[in-house]
Protein backbone atom coordinates (compact mmCIF):
# COMPACT_ATOMS: atom_id res chain seq x y z
CA GLN A 1 0.14 -0.05 0.03
CA VAL A 2 1.40 3.50 -0.97
CA VAL A 3 -0.05 6.47 0.60
CA LEU A 4 0.48 9.73 -1.47
CA THR A 5 0.23 13.18 0.23
CA GLU A 6 0.01 16.39 -1.90
CA SER A 7 1.04 19.54 -0.18
CA GLY A 8 1.70 23.22 -1.50
CA GLY A 9 -1.49 24.43 -2.88
CA GLY A 10 -3.06 27.79 -2.08
CA LEU A 11 -4.52 31.05 -3.45
CA VAL A 12 -2.35 33.05 -6.00
CA GLN A 13 -2.78 35.68 -8.60
CA ALA A 14 -2.46 35.31 -12.19
CA GLY A 15 1.22 35.40 -13.24
CA ASP A 16 2.46 33.87 -9.92
CA SER A 17 4.36 30.79 -9.31
CA LEU A 18 3.57 27.90 -7.04
CA THR A 19 5.26 24.49 -6.22
CA LEU A 20 3.22 21.48 -5.40
CA ASN A 21 4.90 18.42 -3.46
CA CYS A 22 3.66 14.94 -3.49
CA ALA A 23 5.33 12.80 -0.76
CA GLY A 24 5.26 8.92 -0.85
CA SER A 25 5.01 6.70 2.14
CA THR A 26 6.85 3.73 0.75
CA THR A 27 10.37 2.44 0.77
CA THR A 28 10.31 1.87 -2.94
CA PHE A 29 9.18 5.25 -4.18
CA SER A 30 12.04 4.93 -6.96
CA SER A 31 10.15 2.06 -8.39
CA LEU A 32 6.89 4.20 -8.98
CA VAL A 33 6.04 5.80 -12.18
CA MET A 34 4.25 9.16 -11.19
CA GLY A 35 2.04 11.80 -12.47
CA TRP A 36 0.06 14.97 -11.94
CA PHE A 37 -3.48 15.38 -12.65
CA ARG A 38 -6.24 18.08 -11.90
CA GLN A 39 -9.91 18.51 -11.81
CA ALA A 40 -11.50 22.00 -12.03
CA PRO A 41 -15.03 22.31 -10.55
CA GLY A 42 -17.64 20.68 -12.66
CA GLY A 43 -15.04 19.15 -14.94
CA ASP A 44 -13.56 15.95 -15.61
CA ARG A 45 -10.11 14.94 -14.30
CA GLU A 46 -7.40 15.95 -16.59
CA PHE A 47 -3.69 15.20 -17.32
CA VAL A 48 -1.09 17.29 -16.35
CA ALA A 49 2.13 15.76 -16.40
CA CYS A 50 4.00 12.53 -15.88
CA ILE A 51 7.45 11.12 -14.85
CA SER A 52 9.21 8.01 -15.42
CA ARG A 53 10.96 6.25 -12.25
CA THR A 54 14.45 7.88 -12.84
CA GLY A 55 12.90 11.13 -14.05
CA GLU A 56 14.47 10.83 -17.46
CA LYS A 57 11.18 10.64 -19.44
CA ILE A 58 8.71 13.28 -19.04
CA GLU A 59 5.46 14.43 -20.57
CA TYR A 60 3.19 17.28 -20.44
CA ALA A 61 -0.33 18.40 -21.41
CA ASP A 62 -0.09 20.95 -24.06
CA SER A 63 -1.97 23.39 -21.73
CA VAL A 64 0.89 23.47 -19.32
CA LYS A 65 3.99 22.97 -21.48
CA GLY A 66 6.50 25.67 -21.05
CA ARG A 67 4.83 26.84 -17.84
CA PHE A 68 5.12 23.68 -15.55
CA THR A 69 7.94 21.55 -14.44
CA ILE A 70 7.51 18.17 -13.06
CA SER A 71 10.53 16.37 -11.08
CA ARG A 72 11.15 14.08 -8.39
CA ASP A 73 13.72 13.26 -5.85
CA ASN A 74 13.82 9.59 -5.18
CA ALA A 75 16.09 10.02 -2.06
CA LYS A 76 13.40 12.19 -0.49
CA ASP A 77 10.48 10.11 -1.84
CA THR A 78 8.88 13.14 -3.18
CA MET A 79 7.84 14.47 -6.52
CA TYR A 80 7.38 18.02 -7.47
CA LEU A 81 5.14 20.26 -9.76
CA GLN A 82 6.66 23.69 -10.38
CA MET A 83 4.16 25.92 -11.80
CA SER A 84 4.82 29.28 -13.06
CA SER A 85 2.71 32.02 -15.21
CA LEU A 86 -0.27 30.59 -13.59
CA GLU A 87 -3.53 31.60 -15.22
CA PRO A 88 -7.26 31.41 -13.85
CA GLY A 89 -7.89 28.32 -15.92
CA ASP A 90 -5.21 26.36 -13.86
CA THR A 91 -7.76 26.78 -11.00
CA ALA A 92 -8.48 23.03 -9.88
CA THR A 93 -7.61 20.31 -7.36
CA TYR A 94 -4.35 18.69 -8.23
CA TYR A 95 -3.99 15.22 -7.52
CA CYS A 96 -0.45 13.22 -7.61
CA ALA A 97 -0.95 9.41 -8.91
CA ALA A 98 1.56 6.73 -8.77
CA ASP A 99 1.70 3.09 -10.14
CA TYR A 100 4.50 0.30 -10.04
CA ARG A 101 3.39 -1.62 -13.16
CA LEU A 102 3.83 1.00 -15.91
CA LEU A 103 6.65 0.67 -18.28
CA ASP A 104 7.79 4.28 -18.58
CA TYR A 105 4.76 6.75 -17.89
CA SER A 106 1.22 7.19 -18.73
CA ASP A 107 -0.96 10.27 -19.32
CA ARG A 108 -3.96 8.10 -18.60
CA ASP A 109 -5.76 8.35 -15.21
CA PHE A 110 -6.91 4.90 -15.10
CA ASP A 111 -3.33 3.50 -15.36
CA TYR A 112 -2.61 4.84 -11.94
CA VAL A 113 -3.66 2.80 -8.75
CA TYR A 114 -2.36 5.07 -5.97
CA TRP A 115 -3.94 8.59 -5.70
CA GLY A 116 -3.31 11.48 -3.15
CA GLN A 117 -6.23 13.33 -1.44
CA GLY A 118 -5.52 16.40 -3.71
CA THR A 119 -4.47 19.87 -3.06
CA GLN A 120 -6.38 23.13 -4.07
CA VAL A 121 -4.85 25.54 -6.38
CA THR A 122 -6.93 28.71 -7.02
CA VAL A 123 -5.67 31.52 -9.28
CA SER A 124 -7.37 34.75 -9.23
CA SER A 125 -7.40 37.23 -12.15
């Protein structure tokens, strides 16, 4: 069983930056493929970014490419999402997800077994 805990969300203004953290409660964190997803009020859960076990392979949603950076520190059992140039459209609950079985990474939410409880990001205009 893996417990994922997000932190770092908050209320910011458009153009600001914010960094989300996702800590994993497992000694095999480096074996997890991980990703970030988000869900806006009334919307479907959507892919944001994903990262392979070593961090060598990364993929972003087009909507965040060039503004968000995903990374991980396996020594600290933590994944990060650095968000810059935030827009009101980025307002959502952000979730981290993880799975042991994936080959490299995935942008499909149904490929991930473990999910965090979510952290709210609100961007005001």
